[in-house]
């Protein structure tokens, strides 16, 4: 008779660690991206972009002329406002609101960053003093069509909408500021920060 190879068994402790540190953050992320699975009171306020879309292939540029890469986007969540020729009143109002959202997250503010995307590469935005720390990036002429398509600017007015970029560099949510309050935007960002922090802690524990 041919001997049957013994089946490999996973240590119970390993399974418990996966259940304890892996399942909760993963479940939180899945539920946030699929709010229809939860009662209405838990739904996010912003409109989810499904599937999420990476922005680094668009060819965007930083203020110093270097490329916006996936790695350069990995340090924080970004709340992005888009301006055409200049950041006018509505643009600055949204940036100011998002800056207040950033401050209201307390310790989470270091993982949250307001960003201005200028569609006019040659323009230097004139921002109010309280917006001095706003990160500014640019869309060169050859990237304009792709940017307008990915952010659906034909349907979403740049005067009313901000966009959320996750730490993986993907566009994943849109907030219409003509329909939502600052408090509602804040609640969404607090959820995202909490979920991503839980995921990060689980991943770090797994590498120790």
Foldseek 3Di string as FASTA:
>chain_A
DDDDDDDDDDDPVVVVLCVVQPPPLVVLVVCQLVVVVDPPVPHADWDWDPPWAFDQVLFKAFPVGHGDHLQNLQQAKEWEAEDEQECDDLNQVVLVLQVVLLVVLPVRNRRYAYEYEYADVPDDYDHDPVNVRHTYMYRPPVSNVVVCVNVVCVPDPSSFKIFIAHSSRTTTTMDGNVPDDSVSVSVSVNSVSVSVVSNVVSVVVVVD
